Amino acid sequence: MQLNTVIFDMDGLLVDSEPLWGEAAQEIFKRYGFTLTEAQYTSTTGLRTREFVQWWFDYYKVDAGELVVAEKKILDYVLERVEERAIMPGVHYIVDFFHSKNFKMGIASSSPQNLIDAVVKMAGLAPYIHATSSAEDLPFGKPHPQVYLDCAEKLNVAPTSCICFEDSFNGMIAAKAARMKCVVVPHHNQQKEERFGAADLKLTSLQNFSELHYGLFV
């Protein structure tokens, strides 16, 4: 099926918010007597906040009754500071690229809807984004494909007509499980990881996507 839709992940792809999530996690987790190594944090990138917190609370044997409290503190920390973060290189380039081809555009994120709305407004993307989908209240988040399937449904398109852009391994798996094409733009310190070979294309930046790459998909 011919591609006519592009769906973007958000954190770490459109906005440089991943450091915020890391800062928030370390700040809150310290109150519970532990901190994460960079490798530990990276291993759970792309999960929803509650899943992320629950994973590490289970690992470090923290009282499950604190889960909701810690989740809210992390979300509040990020929401209060996200407007201070930079838009990632190439965001407006890639949006203009697909806008010029009359593609429908959406965002499918593990973040809550109010954070998605804040980033769309901050980045000036509202005129171009036709639908957004949050995995916050879904039964399963990424790597489950539901958030991508929901976004495609809102856009009234078939999943097989979509190309997705992701930065995390869990997000890439979600997009592929939804039967969508996936371009992955991993963080620079993950560029050489072989697991990203499952993507249809791997780039170092959104601004490196070209007509030549586009031609591989159409």
N, C-alpha and C. Protein backbone atom coordinates (compact mmCIF):
# COMPACT_ATOMS: atom_id res chain seq x y z
N MET A 1 0.85 -1.21 0.00
CA MET A 1 0.00 0.00 0.00
C MET A 1 0.88 1.25 0.00
N GLN A 2 0.47 2.24 -0.78
CA GLN A 2 1.26 3.47 -0.87
C GLN A 2 1.21 4.26 0.43
N LEU A 3 2.35 4.80 0.84
CA LEU A 3 2.41 5.59 2.06
C LEU A 3 1.75 6.95 1.86
N ASN A 4 0.98 7.37 2.87
CA ASN A 4 0.35 8.70 2.81
C ASN A 4 0.32 9.38 4.18
N THR A 5 0.96 8.74 5.19
CA THR A 5 0.86 9.22 6.56
C THR A 5 2.20 9.05 7.27
N VAL A 6 2.55 10.04 8.09
CA VAL A 6 3.75 9.94 8.93
C VAL A 6 3.33 10.14 10.38
N ILE A 7 3.84 9.27 11.26
CA ILE A 7 3.55 9.35 12.69
C ILE A 7 4.87 9.44 13.44
N PHE A 8 4.94 10.42 14.32
CA PHE A 8 6.16 10.66 15.08
C PHE A 8 6.00 10.26 16.54
N ASP A 9 7.03 9.65 17.10
CA ASP A 9 7.18 9.59 18.54
C ASP A 9 7.47 11.02 19.00
N MET A 10 7.54 11.26 20.30
CA MET A 10 7.76 12.63 20.76
C MET A 10 9.05 12.79 21.59
N ASP A 11 9.09 12.18 22.78
CA ASP A 11 10.23 12.38 23.67
C ASP A 11 11.51 11.83 23.06
N GLY A 12 12.53 12.70 22.97
CA GLY A 12 13.81 12.29 22.41
C GLY A 12 13.86 12.34 20.90
N LEU A 13 12.72 12.53 20.26
CA LEU A 13 12.68 12.61 18.80
C LEU A 13 12.30 14.02 18.35
N LEU A 14 11.21 14.56 18.89
CA LEU A 14 10.77 15.91 18.54
C LEU A 14 11.30 16.95 19.53
N VAL A 15 11.40 16.57 20.77
CA VAL A 15 11.86 17.49 21.80
C VAL A 15 12.92 16.79 22.66
N ASP A 16 13.91 17.55 23.08
CA ASP A 16 15.02 17.01 23.87
C ASP A 16 14.60 16.85 25.33
N SER A 17 13.58 16.01 25.53
CA SER A 17 13.01 15.86 26.87
C SER A 17 13.55 14.65 27.62
N GLU A 18 14.26 13.76 26.93
CA GLU A 18 14.77 12.57 27.63
C GLU A 18 15.65 12.93 28.84
N PRO A 19 16.52 13.95 28.72
CA PRO A 19 17.28 14.33 29.93
C PRO A 19 16.39 14.73 31.09
N LEU A 20 15.24 15.35 30.79
CA LEU A 20 14.30 15.74 31.84
C LEU A 20 13.75 14.53 32.56
N TRP A 21 13.35 13.51 31.79
CA TRP A 21 12.83 12.30 32.40
C TRP A 21 13.90 11.65 33.28
N GLY A 22 15.15 11.68 32.79
CA GLY A 22 16.24 11.13 33.58
C GLY A 22 16.47 11.90 34.86
N GLU A 23 16.46 13.24 34.75
CA GLU A 23 16.64 14.08 35.94
C GLU A 23 15.51 13.83 36.95
N ALA A 24 14.30 13.77 36.42
CA ALA A 24 13.14 13.57 37.30
C ALA A 24 13.24 12.22 38.02
N ALA A 25 13.60 11.19 37.27
CA ALA A 25 13.72 9.86 37.87
C ALA A 25 14.77 9.84 38.97
N GLN A 26 15.93 10.41 38.69
CA GLN A 26 17.00 10.41 39.70
C GLN A 26 16.59 11.22 40.94
N GLU A 27 15.96 12.36 40.70
CA GLU A 27 15.54 13.21 41.81
C GLU A 27 14.53 12.49 42.70
N ILE A 28 13.54 11.86 42.09
CA ILE A 28 12.49 11.19 42.86
C ILE A 28 12.98 9.88 43.45
N PHE A 29 13.72 9.11 42.67
CA PHE A 29 14.18 7.80 43.15
C PHE A 29 15.15 7.92 44.34
N LYS A 30 15.90 9.02 44.36
CA LYS A 30 16.82 9.23 45.50
C LYS A 30 16.06 9.25 46.82
N ARG A 31 14.84 9.73 46.77
CA ARG A 31 14.02 9.80 47.98
C ARG A 31 13.63 8.41 48.47
N TYR A 32 13.74 7.43 47.56
CA TYR A 32 13.40 6.05 47.92
C TYR A 32 14.65 5.19 48.10
N GLY A 33 15.82 5.85 48.10
CA GLY A 33 17.04 5.16 48.47
C GLY A 33 17.82 4.51 47.35
N PHE A 34 17.55 4.89 46.09
CA PHE A 34 18.34 4.32 44.99
C PHE A 34 18.44 5.30 43.83
N THR A 35 19.42 5.09 42.98
CA THR A 35 19.57 5.83 41.73
C THR A 35 19.84 4.82 40.62
N LEU A 36 19.63 5.24 39.37
CA LEU A 36 19.83 4.36 38.22
C LEU A 36 21.13 4.69 37.51
N THR A 37 21.79 3.67 37.01
CA THR A 37 22.92 3.88 36.12
C THR A 37 22.37 4.28 34.76
N GLU A 38 23.24 4.81 33.91
CA GLU A 38 22.82 5.17 32.56
C GLU A 38 22.29 3.95 31.82
N ALA A 39 22.95 2.82 31.98
CA ALA A 39 22.51 1.59 31.30
C ALA A 39 21.14 1.14 31.80
N GLN A 40 20.91 1.25 33.10
CA GLN A 40 19.61 0.88 33.65
C GLN A 40 18.51 1.79 33.09
N TYR A 41 18.77 3.08 33.09
CA TYR A 41 17.76 4.02 32.58
C TYR A 41 17.45 3.75 31.12
N THR A 42 18.50 3.55 30.31
CA THR A 42 18.31 3.30 28.88
C THR A 42 17.50 2.05 28.62
N SER A 43 17.66 1.04 29.46
CA SER A 43 16.97 -0.23 29.24
C SER A 43 15.46 -0.11 29.34
N THR A 44 14.96 0.93 29.99
CA THR A 44 13.51 1.11 30.13
C THR A 44 13.00 2.36 29.41
N THR A 45 13.82 2.94 28.55
CA THR A 45 13.39 4.08 27.76
C THR A 45 12.24 3.68 26.84
N GLY A 46 11.21 4.52 26.77
CA GLY A 46 10.07 4.24 25.90
C GLY A 46 8.87 3.68 26.64
N LEU A 47 9.09 3.21 27.89
CA LEU A 47 7.97 2.74 28.69
C LEU A 47 7.17 3.93 29.21
N ARG A 48 5.90 3.69 29.52
CA ARG A 48 5.12 4.73 30.17
C ARG A 48 5.65 4.96 31.58
N THR A 49 5.36 6.14 32.13
CA THR A 49 5.94 6.50 33.41
C THR A 49 5.58 5.49 34.50
N ARG A 50 4.33 5.06 34.55
CA ARG A 50 3.94 4.12 35.60
C ARG A 50 4.68 2.79 35.44
N GLU A 51 4.80 2.31 34.21
CA GLU A 51 5.53 1.06 33.97
C GLU A 51 7.00 1.22 34.35
N PHE A 52 7.55 2.36 33.99
CA PHE A 52 8.95 2.66 34.31
C PHE A 52 9.17 2.65 35.82
N VAL A 53 8.32 3.35 36.56
CA VAL A 53 8.45 3.43 38.01
C VAL A 53 8.22 2.05 38.64
N GLN A 54 7.20 1.36 38.17
CA GLN A 54 6.90 0.05 38.74
C GLN A 54 8.04 -0.94 38.53
N TRP A 55 8.65 -0.87 37.34
CA TRP A 55 9.77 -1.76 37.03
C TRP A 55 10.89 -1.60 38.06
N TRP A 56 11.27 -0.34 38.33
CA TRP A 56 12.40 -0.11 39.24
C TRP A 56 12.01 -0.21 40.70
N PHE A 57 10.75 0.08 41.02
CA PHE A 57 10.29 -0.15 42.39
C PHE A 57 10.29 -1.64 42.71
N ASP A 58 9.87 -2.46 41.74
CA ASP A 58 9.91 -3.91 41.95
C ASP A 58 11.36 -4.37 42.11
N TYR A 59 12.24 -3.84 41.28
CA TYR A 59 13.64 -4.25 41.29
C TYR A 59 14.30 -3.91 42.62
N TYR A 60 14.01 -2.71 43.13
CA TYR A 60 14.65 -2.25 44.37
C TYR A 60 13.76 -2.47 45.60
N LYS A 61 12.68 -3.23 45.43
CA LYS A 61 11.82 -3.63 46.55
C LYS A 61 11.24 -2.42 47.30
N VAL A 62 10.74 -1.45 46.55
CA VAL A 62 10.10 -0.27 47.15
C VAL A 62 8.61 -0.57 47.31
N ASP A 63 8.02 -0.09 48.38
CA ASP A 63 6.60 -0.29 48.67
C ASP A 63 5.74 0.15 47.48
N ALA A 64 4.92 -0.77 46.97
CA ALA A 64 4.07 -0.49 45.80
C ALA A 64 3.06 0.62 46.08
N GLY A 65 2.78 0.87 47.35
CA GLY A 65 1.85 1.94 47.70
C GLY A 65 2.37 3.32 47.34
N GLU A 66 3.67 3.42 47.07
CA GLU A 66 4.27 4.69 46.70
C GLU A 66 4.27 4.92 45.19
N LEU A 67 3.82 3.94 44.42
CA LEU A 67 3.91 4.00 42.96
C LEU A 67 3.22 5.23 42.38
N VAL A 68 1.98 5.45 42.74
CA VAL A 68 1.20 6.56 42.18
C VAL A 68 1.81 7.90 42.58
N VAL A 69 2.27 8.00 43.80
CA VAL A 69 2.88 9.24 44.29
C VAL A 69 4.14 9.57 43.49
N ALA A 70 5.01 8.57 43.31
CA ALA A 70 6.25 8.79 42.57
C ALA A 70 5.98 9.10 41.11
N GLU A 71 5.02 8.41 40.52
CA GLU A 71 4.67 8.68 39.12
C GLU A 71 4.23 10.13 38.94
N LYS A 72 3.37 10.61 39.82
CA LYS A 72 2.88 11.99 39.70
C LYS A 72 4.00 13.00 39.88
N LYS A 73 4.92 12.73 40.80
CA LYS A 73 6.03 13.66 41.02
C LYS A 73 6.92 13.74 39.79
N ILE A 74 7.16 12.60 39.13
CA ILE A 74 7.98 12.60 37.92
C ILE A 74 7.28 13.35 36.80
N LEU A 75 6.00 13.08 36.60
CA LEU A 75 5.24 13.76 35.54
C LEU A 75 5.19 15.27 35.79
N ASP A 76 4.96 15.68 37.02
CA ASP A 76 4.90 17.10 37.35
C ASP A 76 6.25 17.77 37.08
N TYR A 77 7.33 17.09 37.44
CA TYR A 77 8.67 17.62 37.22
C TYR A 77 8.90 17.90 35.74
N VAL A 78 8.54 16.93 34.90
CA VAL A 78 8.77 17.08 33.46
C VAL A 78 7.86 18.15 32.86
N LEU A 79 6.60 18.14 33.23
CA LEU A 79 5.65 19.10 32.67
C LEU A 79 6.04 20.53 33.01
N GLU A 80 6.56 20.75 34.21
CA GLU A 80 6.94 22.09 34.63
C GLU A 80 8.15 22.62 33.87
N ARG A 81 8.96 21.71 33.31
CA ARG A 81 10.23 22.12 32.71
C ARG A 81 10.34 21.87 31.22
N VAL A 82 9.35 21.23 30.62
CA VAL A 82 9.50 20.81 29.23
C VAL A 82 9.62 22.00 28.28
N GLU A 83 9.00 23.11 28.61
CA GLU A 83 9.07 24.27 27.73
C GLU A 83 10.46 24.90 27.72
N GLU A 84 11.31 24.49 28.64
CA GLU A 84 12.69 24.98 28.64
C GLU A 84 13.59 24.16 27.73
N ARG A 85 13.09 23.01 27.26
CA ARG A 85 13.91 22.12 26.46
C ARG A 85 13.92 22.53 24.99
N ALA A 86 14.97 22.15 24.29
CA ALA A 86 15.12 22.50 22.88
C ALA A 86 14.37 21.51 22.00
N ILE A 87 13.88 22.05 20.88
CA ILE A 87 13.32 21.19 19.84
C ILE A 87 14.50 20.47 19.17
N MET A 88 14.33 19.20 18.86
CA MET A 88 15.43 18.43 18.30
C MET A 88 15.77 18.90 16.88
N PRO A 89 17.03 18.77 16.47
CA PRO A 89 17.44 19.18 15.12
C PRO A 89 16.63 18.45 14.06
N GLY A 90 16.18 19.21 13.08
CA GLY A 90 15.49 18.62 11.94
C GLY A 90 13.99 18.47 12.07
N VAL A 91 13.41 18.88 13.21
CA VAL A 91 11.97 18.70 13.40
C VAL A 91 11.17 19.47 12.36
N HIS A 92 11.47 20.76 12.21
CA HIS A 92 10.69 21.55 11.25
C HIS A 92 11.02 21.14 9.82
N TYR A 93 12.24 20.70 9.59
CA TYR A 93 12.61 20.19 8.27
C TYR A 93 11.76 18.97 7.90
N ILE A 94 11.66 18.00 8.81
CA ILE A 94 10.94 16.76 8.49
C ILE A 94 9.44 17.01 8.37
N VAL A 95 8.92 17.92 9.18
CA VAL A 95 7.50 18.27 9.08
C VAL A 95 7.22 18.95 7.74
N ASP A 96 8.08 19.88 7.34
CA ASP A 96 7.92 20.54 6.04
C ASP A 96 8.06 19.53 4.90
N PHE A 97 8.98 18.58 5.05
CA PHE A 97 9.21 17.57 4.02
C PHE A 97 7.92 16.81 3.73
N PHE A 98 7.27 16.32 4.78
CA PHE A 98 6.06 15.52 4.57
C PHE A 98 4.83 16.38 4.30
N HIS A 99 4.83 17.61 4.82
CA HIS A 99 3.73 18.53 4.50
C HIS A 99 3.72 18.84 3.00
N SER A 100 4.90 18.98 2.41
CA SER A 100 4.99 19.27 0.98
C SER A 100 4.48 18.11 0.12
N LYS A 101 4.42 16.92 0.71
CA LYS A 101 3.92 15.75 0.00
C LYS A 101 2.48 15.42 0.39
N ASN A 102 1.86 16.33 1.09
CA ASN A 102 0.45 16.20 1.50
C ASN A 102 0.19 14.98 2.37
N PHE A 103 1.18 14.62 3.17
CA PHE A 103 1.00 13.50 4.11
C PHE A 103 0.16 13.96 5.30
N LYS A 104 -0.69 13.07 5.79
CA LYS A 104 -1.29 13.28 7.10
C LYS A 104 -0.20 13.08 8.14
N MET A 105 -0.31 13.78 9.28
CA MET A 105 0.72 13.69 10.31
C MET A 105 0.11 13.49 11.69
N GLY A 106 0.75 12.62 12.46
CA GLY A 106 0.30 12.35 13.82
C GLY A 106 1.46 12.16 14.77
N ILE A 107 1.13 12.15 16.05
CA ILE A 107 2.11 11.86 17.11
C ILE A 107 1.56 10.73 17.96
N ALA A 108 2.39 9.72 18.20
CA ALA A 108 2.01 8.59 19.07
C ALA A 108 3.07 8.49 20.16
N SER A 109 2.68 8.79 21.39
CA SER A 109 3.65 8.92 22.48
C SER A 109 3.22 8.16 23.72
N SER A 110 4.21 7.74 24.49
CA SER A 110 3.94 7.15 25.81
C SER A 110 3.60 8.20 26.85
N SER A 111 3.90 9.46 26.55
CA SER A 111 3.66 10.55 27.49
C SER A 111 2.17 10.86 27.61
N PRO A 112 1.76 11.47 28.73
CA PRO A 112 0.35 11.86 28.89
C PRO A 112 -0.06 12.93 27.89
N GLN A 113 -1.37 13.02 27.65
CA GLN A 113 -1.88 13.92 26.62
C GLN A 113 -1.53 15.38 26.90
N ASN A 114 -1.56 15.81 28.15
CA ASN A 114 -1.25 17.22 28.42
C ASN A 114 0.19 17.57 28.08
N LEU A 115 1.10 16.61 28.19
CA LEU A 115 2.48 16.86 27.81
C LEU A 115 2.62 16.90 26.29
N ILE A 116 1.91 16.01 25.59
CA ILE A 116 1.91 16.04 24.12
C ILE A 116 1.40 17.39 23.64
N ASP A 117 0.30 17.85 24.21
CA ASP A 117 -0.29 19.13 23.81
C ASP A 117 0.68 20.28 24.05
N ALA A 118 1.40 20.24 25.17
CA ALA A 118 2.36 21.30 25.49
C ALA A 118 3.49 21.35 24.48
N VAL A 119 4.00 20.19 24.08
CA VAL A 119 5.10 20.14 23.12
C VAL A 119 4.64 20.58 21.73
N VAL A 120 3.46 20.15 21.32
CA VAL A 120 2.93 20.57 20.01
C VAL A 120 2.80 22.09 19.95
N LYS A 121 2.30 22.68 21.01
CA LYS A 121 2.16 24.13 21.06
C LYS A 121 3.51 24.82 21.07
N MET A 122 4.42 24.33 21.92
CA MET A 122 5.74 24.93 22.06
C MET A 122 6.51 24.90 20.74
N ALA A 123 6.40 23.79 20.01
CA ALA A 123 7.15 23.61 18.77
C ALA A 123 6.46 24.23 17.56
N GLY A 124 5.28 24.77 17.74
CA GLY A 124 4.55 25.38 16.64
C GLY A 124 4.07 24.37 15.61
N LEU A 125 3.73 23.16 16.07
CA LEU A 125 3.35 22.08 15.15
C LEU A 125 1.84 21.93 14.97
N ALA A 126 1.06 22.69 15.74
CA ALA A 126 -0.39 22.53 15.71
C ALA A 126 -1.00 22.59 14.30
N PRO A 127 -0.53 23.48 13.40
CA PRO A 127 -1.14 23.52 12.07
C PRO A 127 -0.87 22.28 11.22
N TYR A 128 0.09 21.45 11.63
CA TYR A 128 0.52 20.32 10.80
C TYR A 128 0.11 18.96 11.36
N ILE A 129 -0.09 18.87 12.68
CA ILE A 129 -0.41 17.60 13.31
C ILE A 129 -1.93 17.39 13.29
N HIS A 130 -2.36 16.33 12.62
CA HIS A 130 -3.79 16.08 12.45
C HIS A 130 -4.39 15.23 13.56
N ALA A 131 -3.56 14.49 14.30
CA ALA A 131 -4.05 13.66 15.40
C ALA A 131 -2.90 13.32 16.32
N THR A 132 -3.22 13.15 17.59
CA THR A 132 -2.22 12.68 18.56
C THR A 132 -2.83 11.52 19.35
N SER A 133 -1.96 10.65 19.82
CA SER A 133 -2.41 9.49 20.58
C SER A 133 -1.45 9.26 21.74
N SER A 134 -2.01 9.12 22.94
CA SER A 134 -1.22 8.87 24.14
C SER A 134 -1.46 7.44 24.62
N ALA A 135 -0.39 6.80 25.05
CA ALA A 135 -0.51 5.44 25.60
C ALA A 135 -0.78 5.45 27.09
N GLU A 136 -0.91 6.64 27.68
CA GLU A 136 -1.00 6.76 29.14
C GLU A 136 -2.08 5.86 29.74
N ASP A 137 -3.26 5.84 29.14
CA ASP A 137 -4.38 5.11 29.74
C ASP A 137 -4.71 3.82 29.00
N LEU A 138 -3.85 3.39 28.10
CA LEU A 138 -4.08 2.13 27.38
C LEU A 138 -3.72 0.94 28.28
N PRO A 139 -4.32 -0.22 28.02
CA PRO A 139 -3.94 -1.41 28.81
C PRO A 139 -2.45 -1.72 28.72
N PHE A 140 -1.87 -1.47 27.54
CA PHE A 140 -0.44 -1.73 27.34
C PHE A 140 0.18 -0.57 26.58
N GLY A 141 1.40 -0.20 26.98
CA GLY A 141 2.15 0.83 26.26
C GLY A 141 3.16 0.20 25.33
N LYS A 142 4.00 1.03 24.72
CA LYS A 142 5.07 0.52 23.88
C LYS A 142 5.94 -0.42 24.71
N PRO A 143 6.36 -1.58 24.16
CA PRO A 143 6.40 -1.95 22.75
C PRO A 143 5.13 -2.53 22.16
N HIS A 144 4.02 -2.51 22.91
CA HIS A 144 2.74 -2.90 22.31
C HIS A 144 2.37 -1.87 21.24
N PRO A 145 1.78 -2.29 20.13
CA PRO A 145 1.51 -1.37 19.01
C PRO A 145 0.27 -0.51 19.15
N GLN A 146 -0.52 -0.68 20.23
CA GLN A 146 -1.84 -0.05 20.27
C GLN A 146 -1.81 1.46 20.08
N VAL A 147 -0.83 2.15 20.67
CA VAL A 147 -0.80 3.61 20.54
C VAL A 147 -0.63 4.03 19.09
N TYR A 148 0.13 3.26 18.31
CA TYR A 148 0.28 3.55 16.89
C TYR A 148 -0.99 3.21 16.12
N LEU A 149 -1.62 2.10 16.46
CA LEU A 149 -2.86 1.72 15.80
C LEU A 149 -3.96 2.74 16.09
N ASP A 150 -4.00 3.25 17.33
CA ASP A 150 -4.99 4.27 17.67
C ASP A 150 -4.77 5.55 16.87
N CYS A 151 -3.51 5.94 16.71
CA CYS A 151 -3.21 7.15 15.95
C CYS A 151 -3.63 6.99 14.49
N ALA A 152 -3.35 5.83 13.92
CA ALA A 152 -3.76 5.57 12.53
C ALA A 152 -5.28 5.62 12.40
N GLU A 153 -5.98 5.08 13.40
CA GLU A 153 -7.45 5.10 13.36
C GLU A 153 -7.97 6.53 13.42
N LYS A 154 -7.37 7.34 14.27
CA LYS A 154 -7.79 8.75 14.37
C LYS A 154 -7.54 9.48 13.05
N LEU A 155 -6.49 9.09 12.35
CA LEU A 155 -6.15 9.72 11.07
C LEU A 155 -6.94 9.11 9.91
N ASN A 156 -7.69 8.05 10.21
CA ASN A 156 -8.51 7.36 9.21
C ASN A 156 -7.66 6.80 8.08
N VAL A 157 -6.57 6.14 8.46
CA VAL A 157 -5.67 5.53 7.48
C VAL A 157 -5.36 4.09 7.90
N ALA A 158 -4.93 3.29 6.96
CA ALA A 158 -4.50 1.93 7.26
C ALA A 158 -3.10 1.95 7.86
N PRO A 159 -2.82 1.10 8.83
CA PRO A 159 -1.48 1.06 9.41
C PRO A 159 -0.38 0.86 8.37
N THR A 160 -0.67 0.09 7.33
CA THR A 160 0.33 -0.18 6.31
C THR A 160 0.62 1.01 5.40
N SER A 161 -0.14 2.09 5.57
CA SER A 161 0.12 3.30 4.77
C SER A 161 0.95 4.31 5.56
N CYS A 162 1.45 3.89 6.74
CA CYS A 162 2.15 4.82 7.65
C CYS A 162 3.65 4.55 7.70
N ILE A 163 4.41 5.63 7.79
CA ILE A 163 5.83 5.57 8.12
C ILE A 163 6.02 6.27 9.45
N CYS A 164 6.74 5.64 10.36
CA CYS A 164 6.92 6.18 11.70
C CYS A 164 8.37 6.56 11.95
N PHE A 165 8.56 7.53 12.81
CA PHE A 165 9.89 7.95 13.24
C PHE A 165 9.98 7.75 14.75
N GLU A 166 11.01 7.02 15.17
CA GLU A 166 11.19 6.66 16.58
C GLU A 166 12.64 6.89 16.99
N ASP A 167 12.85 6.98 18.31
CA ASP A 167 14.22 7.05 18.80
C ASP A 167 14.56 5.92 19.77
N SER A 168 13.55 5.20 20.25
CA SER A 168 13.80 4.15 21.24
C SER A 168 13.56 2.76 20.66
N PHE A 169 14.17 1.76 21.28
CA PHE A 169 13.98 0.38 20.85
C PHE A 169 12.54 -0.06 21.07
N ASN A 170 11.97 0.25 22.23
CA ASN A 170 10.58 -0.14 22.50
C ASN A 170 9.62 0.50 21.51
N GLY A 171 9.89 1.77 21.16
CA GLY A 171 9.04 2.44 20.19
C GLY A 171 9.16 1.83 18.80
N MET A 172 10.38 1.48 18.42
CA MET A 172 10.59 0.84 17.11
C MET A 172 9.82 -0.47 17.03
N ILE A 173 9.87 -1.28 18.08
CA ILE A 173 9.16 -2.55 18.10
C ILE A 173 7.65 -2.31 17.99
N ALA A 174 7.15 -1.29 18.68
CA ALA A 174 5.73 -0.95 18.62
C ALA A 174 5.30 -0.60 17.19
N ALA A 175 6.10 0.22 16.53
CA ALA A 175 5.76 0.63 15.17
C ALA A 175 5.78 -0.56 14.21
N LYS A 176 6.80 -1.41 14.33
CA LYS A 176 6.90 -2.57 13.46
C LYS A 176 5.77 -3.57 13.73
N ALA A 177 5.40 -3.72 15.02
CA ALA A 177 4.29 -4.61 15.36
C ALA A 177 2.96 -4.10 14.82
N ALA A 178 2.87 -2.79 14.61
CA ALA A 178 1.67 -2.20 14.01
C ALA A 178 1.66 -2.34 12.49
N ARG A 179 2.69 -2.97 11.94
CA ARG A 179 2.85 -3.18 10.49
C ARG A 179 3.10 -1.85 9.75
N MET A 180 3.82 -0.97 10.42
CA MET A 180 4.19 0.31 9.83
C MET A 180 5.68 0.31 9.51
N LYS A 181 6.07 1.11 8.53
CA LYS A 181 7.48 1.32 8.27
C LYS A 181 8.05 2.14 9.42
N CYS A 182 9.31 1.91 9.74
CA CYS A 182 9.89 2.64 10.87
C CYS A 182 11.29 3.13 10.55
N VAL A 183 11.48 4.44 10.73
CA VAL A 183 12.80 5.07 10.67
C VAL A 183 13.20 5.36 12.11
N VAL A 184 14.35 4.88 12.51
CA VAL A 184 14.78 5.08 13.89
C VAL A 184 15.95 6.05 13.93
N VAL A 185 15.89 6.96 14.91
CA VAL A 185 16.95 7.95 15.12
C VAL A 185 17.42 7.81 16.57
N PRO A 186 18.26 6.80 16.85
CA PRO A 186 18.67 6.55 18.23
C PRO A 186 19.52 7.69 18.79
N HIS A 187 19.53 7.78 20.11
CA HIS A 187 20.45 8.70 20.78
C HIS A 187 21.87 8.38 20.32
N HIS A 188 22.73 9.40 20.28
CA HIS A 188 24.06 9.21 19.70
C HIS A 188 24.85 8.10 20.37
N ASN A 189 24.62 7.88 21.67
CA ASN A 189 25.38 6.83 22.35
C ASN A 189 24.80 5.43 22.15
N GLN A 190 23.70 5.36 21.36
CA GLN A 190 23.11 4.06 21.04
C GLN A 190 23.18 3.74 19.55
N GLN A 191 23.82 4.62 18.80
CA GLN A 191 23.82 4.49 17.34
C GLN A 191 24.37 3.15 16.85
N LYS A 192 25.33 2.58 17.55
CA LYS A 192 25.99 1.37 17.08
C LYS A 192 25.34 0.08 17.59
N GLU A 193 24.25 0.21 18.33
CA GLU A 193 23.60 -0.98 18.86
C GLU A 193 22.92 -1.78 17.76
N GLU A 194 23.25 -3.06 17.67
CA GLU A 194 22.75 -3.90 16.58
C GLU A 194 21.24 -4.10 16.62
N ARG A 195 20.65 -3.96 17.78
CA ARG A 195 19.21 -4.21 17.89
C ARG A 195 18.38 -3.26 17.03
N PHE A 196 18.92 -2.10 16.69
CA PHE A 196 18.18 -1.16 15.85
C PHE A 196 18.16 -1.60 14.38
N GLY A 197 18.82 -2.70 14.09
CA GLY A 197 18.79 -3.24 12.73
C GLY A 197 17.42 -3.70 12.30
N ALA A 198 16.49 -3.84 13.24
CA ALA A 198 15.12 -4.24 12.90
C ALA A 198 14.33 -3.11 12.24
N ALA A 199 14.85 -1.89 12.32
CA ALA A 199 14.18 -0.75 11.67
C ALA A 199 14.35 -0.82 10.16
N ASP A 200 13.49 -0.15 9.45
CA ASP A 200 13.61 -0.08 8.00
C ASP A 200 14.74 0.86 7.58
N LEU A 201 15.05 1.81 8.46
CA LEU A 201 16.12 2.77 8.17
C LEU A 201 16.59 3.35 9.50
N LYS A 202 17.90 3.55 9.63
CA LYS A 202 18.47 4.17 10.82
C LYS A 202 19.23 5.43 10.40
N LEU A 203 18.96 6.54 11.10
CA LEU A 203 19.61 7.81 10.81
C LEU A 203 20.21 8.40 12.08
N THR A 204 21.10 9.36 11.92
CA THR A 204 21.68 10.05 13.07
C THR A 204 20.90 11.31 13.42
N SER A 205 20.04 11.77 12.51
CA SER A 205 19.25 12.98 12.75
C SER A 205 18.06 13.02 11.80
N LEU A 206 16.99 13.64 12.24
CA LEU A 206 15.82 13.83 11.37
C LEU A 206 16.18 14.61 10.11
N GLN A 207 17.13 15.54 10.25
CA GLN A 207 17.45 16.39 9.11
C GLN A 207 18.24 15.66 8.03
N ASN A 208 18.62 14.41 8.32
CA ASN A 208 19.33 13.62 7.31
C ASN A 208 18.40 12.83 6.41
N PHE A 209 17.11 12.83 6.72
CA PHE A 209 16.15 12.12 5.87
C PHE A 209 16.01 12.89 4.56
N SER A 210 16.18 12.20 3.45
CA SER A 210 16.22 12.87 2.15
C SER A 210 15.25 12.25 1.15
N GLU A 211 15.18 12.86 -0.02
CA GLU A 211 14.36 12.29 -1.09
C GLU A 211 14.83 10.90 -1.46
N LEU A 212 16.13 10.67 -1.37
CA LEU A 212 16.66 9.34 -1.66
C LEU A 212 16.11 8.31 -0.67
N HIS A 213 16.10 8.67 0.60
CA HIS A 213 15.53 7.76 1.61
C HIS A 213 14.03 7.56 1.37
N TYR A 214 13.35 8.65 1.09
CA TYR A 214 11.92 8.57 0.83
C TYR A 214 11.63 7.61 -0.32
N GLY A 215 12.49 7.65 -1.32
CA GLY A 215 12.31 6.79 -2.48
C GLY A 215 12.41 5.31 -2.16
N LEU A 216 13.04 4.98 -1.05
CA LEU A 216 13.14 3.59 -0.64
C LEU A 216 11.80 3.03 -0.18
N PHE A 217 10.89 3.93 0.21
CA PHE A 217 9.62 3.49 0.79
C PHE A 217 8.44 3.57 -0.16
N VAL A 218 8.60 4.27 -1.28
CA VAL A 218 7.46 4.48 -2.18
C VAL A 218 7.66 3.75 -3.50
